[in-house]
Amino acid sequence: MAQKYVKPTATTTRPSILGETKTTATAPVHFVFGKANYQLLLASVLVVAFGFVIMSGTTDIYSTTKIVIAPLVVLAGFGLGFYAIFKKSGAEA
């Protein structure tokens, strides 16, 4: 996809080796995701980590928590991560 042209917001001047001053333009920084996307990604990482913690649990190997609930929590964390990646931020919508 082609990116649209962004007009520079500020110019800076700096001296060169030959004594001339060069003017360089700086463009605003655009992140790939919005703030809400990054918050959802962080939440998904925490949910996945929590799922692995409850999966390690106690010494009982065949407990319902370890073989049913914890994998569902991990899958929910991965689902939340996919949602955070594909969700459009408010500025793009």
C-alpha atoms as a PDB file:
ATOM      1  CA  MET A   1       0.000   0.000   0.000  1.00  0.00           C
ATOM      2  CA  ALA A   2       1.194   3.470  -0.741  1.00  0.00           C
ATOM      3  CA  GLN A   3       1.515   5.798   2.184  1.00  0.00           C
ATOM      4  CA  LYS A   4       0.116   9.269   1.934  1.00  0.00           C
ATOM      5  CA  TYR A   5       2.433  12.243   1.974  1.00  0.00           C
ATOM      6  CA  VAL A   6       2.884  13.860   5.367  1.00  0.00           C
ATOM      7  CA  LYS A   7       3.792  17.524   5.385  1.00  0.00           C
ATOM      8  CA  PRO A   8       6.737  18.191   7.708  1.00  0.00           C
ATOM      9  CA  THR A   9       5.785  19.958  10.906  1.00  0.00           C
ATOM     10  CA  ALA A  10       9.103  21.504  11.912  1.00  0.00           C
ATOM     11  CA  THR A  11      12.412  22.378  10.370  1.00  0.00           C
ATOM     12  CA  THR A  12      15.778  22.252  12.062  1.00  0.00           C
ATOM     13  CA  THR A  13      18.963  23.938  10.964  1.00  0.00           C
ATOM     14  CA  ARG A  14      22.402  22.568  11.619  1.00  0.00           C
ATOM     15  CA  PRO A  15      25.802  23.686  10.408  1.00  0.00           C
ATOM     16  CA  SER A  16      27.679  21.499   7.962  1.00  0.00           C
ATOM     17  CA  ILE A  17      31.405  20.910   7.710  1.00  0.00           C
ATOM     18  CA  LEU A  18      31.851  23.583   5.022  1.00  0.00           C
ATOM     19  CA  GLY A  19      30.204  26.305   7.082  1.00  0.00           C
ATOM     20  CA  GLU A  20      26.863  26.141   5.298  1.00  0.00           C
ATOM     21  CA  THR A  21      23.663  25.608   7.203  1.00  0.00           C
ATOM     22  CA  LYS A  22      21.472  22.762   6.079  1.00  0.00           C
ATOM     23  CA  THR A  23      17.780  22.676   6.788  1.00  0.00           C
ATOM     24  CA  THR A  24      16.245  19.296   7.475  1.00  0.00           C
ATOM     25  CA  ALA A  25      12.558  18.666   7.926  1.00  0.00           C
ATOM     26  CA  THR A  26      11.147  16.374  10.576  1.00  0.00           C
ATOM     27  CA  ALA A  27       7.905  14.494  10.099  1.00  0.00           C
ATOM     28  CA  PRO A  28       5.596  13.436  12.937  1.00  0.00           C
ATOM     29  CA  VAL A  29       5.934   9.858  14.149  1.00  0.00           C
ATOM     30  CA  HIS A  30       3.045   7.527  13.294  1.00  0.00           C
ATOM     31  CA  PHE A  31       2.805   4.267  15.214  1.00  0.00           C
ATOM     32  CA  VAL A  32       1.376   1.121  13.667  1.00  0.00           C
ATOM     33  CA  PHE A  33      -1.212   0.662  16.418  1.00  0.00           C
ATOM     34  CA  GLY A  34      -3.144   3.047  18.609  1.00  0.00           C
ATOM     35  CA  LYS A  35      -2.958   3.271  22.393  1.00  0.00           C
ATOM     36  CA  ALA A  36      -5.951   0.967  22.868  1.00  0.00           C
ATOM     37  CA  ASN A  37      -4.322  -1.697  20.686  1.00  0.00           C
ATOM     38  CA  TYR A  38      -1.173  -1.692  22.798  1.00  0.00           C
ATOM     39  CA  GLN A  39      -3.234  -1.889  25.994  1.00  0.00           C
ATOM     40  CA  LEU A  40      -5.137  -4.889  24.633  1.00  0.00           C
ATOM     41  CA  LEU A  41      -1.870  -6.555  23.597  1.00  0.00           C
ATOM     42  CA  LEU A  42      -0.491  -6.081  27.097  1.00  0.00           C
ATOM     43  CA  ALA A  43      -3.697  -7.508  28.577  1.00  0.00           C
ATOM     44  CA  SER A  44      -3.477 -10.527  26.276  1.00  0.00           C
ATOM     45  CA  VAL A  45       0.111 -11.215  27.345  1.00  0.00           C
ATOM     46  CA  LEU A  46      -0.975 -11.059  30.986  1.00  0.00           C
ATOM     47  CA  VAL A  47      -3.917 -13.425  30.351  1.00  0.00           C
ATOM     48  CA  VAL A  48      -1.658 -15.943  28.599  1.00  0.00           C
ATOM     49  CA  ALA A  49       0.887 -15.727  31.424  1.00  0.00           C
ATOM     50  CA  PHE A  50      -1.884 -16.226  33.996  1.00  0.00           C
ATOM     51  CA  GLY A  51      -3.076 -19.283  32.063  1.00  0.00           C
ATOM     52  CA  PHE A  52       0.387 -20.810  32.181  1.00  0.00           C
ATOM     53  CA  VAL A  53       0.675 -20.057  35.898  1.00  0.00           C
ATOM     54  CA  ILE A  54      -2.577 -21.845  36.712  1.00  0.00           C
ATOM     55  CA  MET A  55      -1.545 -24.654  34.367  1.00  0.00           C
ATOM     56  CA  SER A  56       1.564 -25.262  36.455  1.00  0.00           C
ATOM     57  CA  GLY A  57      -0.643 -25.367  39.585  1.00  0.00           C
ATOM     58  CA  THR A  58      -0.366 -28.078  42.216  1.00  0.00           C
ATOM     59  CA  THR A  59       0.993 -31.616  42.048  1.00  0.00           C
ATOM     60  CA  ASP A  60      -2.342 -33.086  40.938  1.00  0.00           C
ATOM     61  CA  ILE A  61      -1.755 -33.856  37.238  1.00  0.00           C
ATOM     62  CA  TYR A  62      -5.337 -34.564  36.172  1.00  0.00           C
ATOM     63  CA  SER A  63      -7.133 -31.706  37.911  1.00  0.00           C
ATOM     64  CA  THR A  64      -9.863 -29.908  35.985  1.00  0.00           C
ATOM     65  CA  THR A  65      -8.065 -26.618  36.457  1.00  0.00           C
ATOM     66  CA  LYS A  66      -4.918 -27.884  34.737  1.00  0.00           C
ATOM     67  CA  ILE A  67      -6.423 -29.775  31.820  1.00  0.00           C
ATOM     68  CA  VAL A  68      -9.542 -27.723  31.034  1.00  0.00           C
ATOM     69  CA  ILE A  69      -9.641 -24.237  32.524  1.00  0.00           C
ATOM     70  CA  ALA A  70      -5.989 -23.213  32.084  1.00  0.00           C
ATOM     71  CA  PRO A  71      -5.814 -24.114  28.361  1.00  0.00           C
ATOM     72  CA  LEU A  72      -9.065 -22.212  27.785  1.00  0.00           C
ATOM     73  CA  VAL A  73      -7.589 -19.171  29.549  1.00  0.00           C
ATOM     74  CA  VAL A  74      -4.465 -19.380  27.352  1.00  0.00           C
ATOM     75  CA  LEU A  75      -6.593 -19.661  24.198  1.00  0.00           C
ATOM     76  CA  ALA A  76      -8.675 -16.693  25.353  1.00  0.00           C
ATOM     77  CA  GLY A  77      -5.451 -14.714  25.759  1.00  0.00           C
ATOM     78  CA  PHE A  78      -4.365 -15.614  22.231  1.00  0.00           C
ATOM     79  CA  GLY A  79      -7.804 -14.636  20.938  1.00  0.00           C
ATOM     80  CA  LEU A  80      -7.553 -11.295  22.712  1.00  0.00           C
ATOM     81  CA  GLY A  81      -4.133 -10.794  21.134  1.00  0.00           C
ATOM     82  CA  PHE A  82      -5.476 -11.452  17.635  1.00  0.00           C
ATOM     83  CA  TYR A  83      -8.342  -9.048  18.311  1.00  0.00           C
ATOM     84  CA  ALA A  84      -5.868  -6.386  19.480  1.00  0.00           C
ATOM     85  CA  ILE A  85      -3.835  -6.777  16.288  1.00  0.00           C
ATOM     86  CA  PHE A  86      -6.774  -6.641  13.880  1.00  0.00           C
ATOM     87  CA  LYS A  87      -8.765  -3.918  15.684  1.00  0.00           C
ATOM     88  CA  LYS A  88      -8.687  -0.594  13.863  1.00  0.00           C
ATOM     89  CA  SER A  89      -7.559   2.330  15.960  1.00  0.00           C
ATOM     90  CA  GLY A  90      -9.824   5.348  16.338  1.00  0.00           C
ATOM     91  CA  ALA A  91      -7.647   7.577  14.115  1.00  0.00           C
ATOM     92  CA  GLU A  92      -7.839   5.223  11.121  1.00  0.00           C
ATOM     93  CA  ALA A  93     -11.537   4.379  11.303  1.00  0.00           C
END
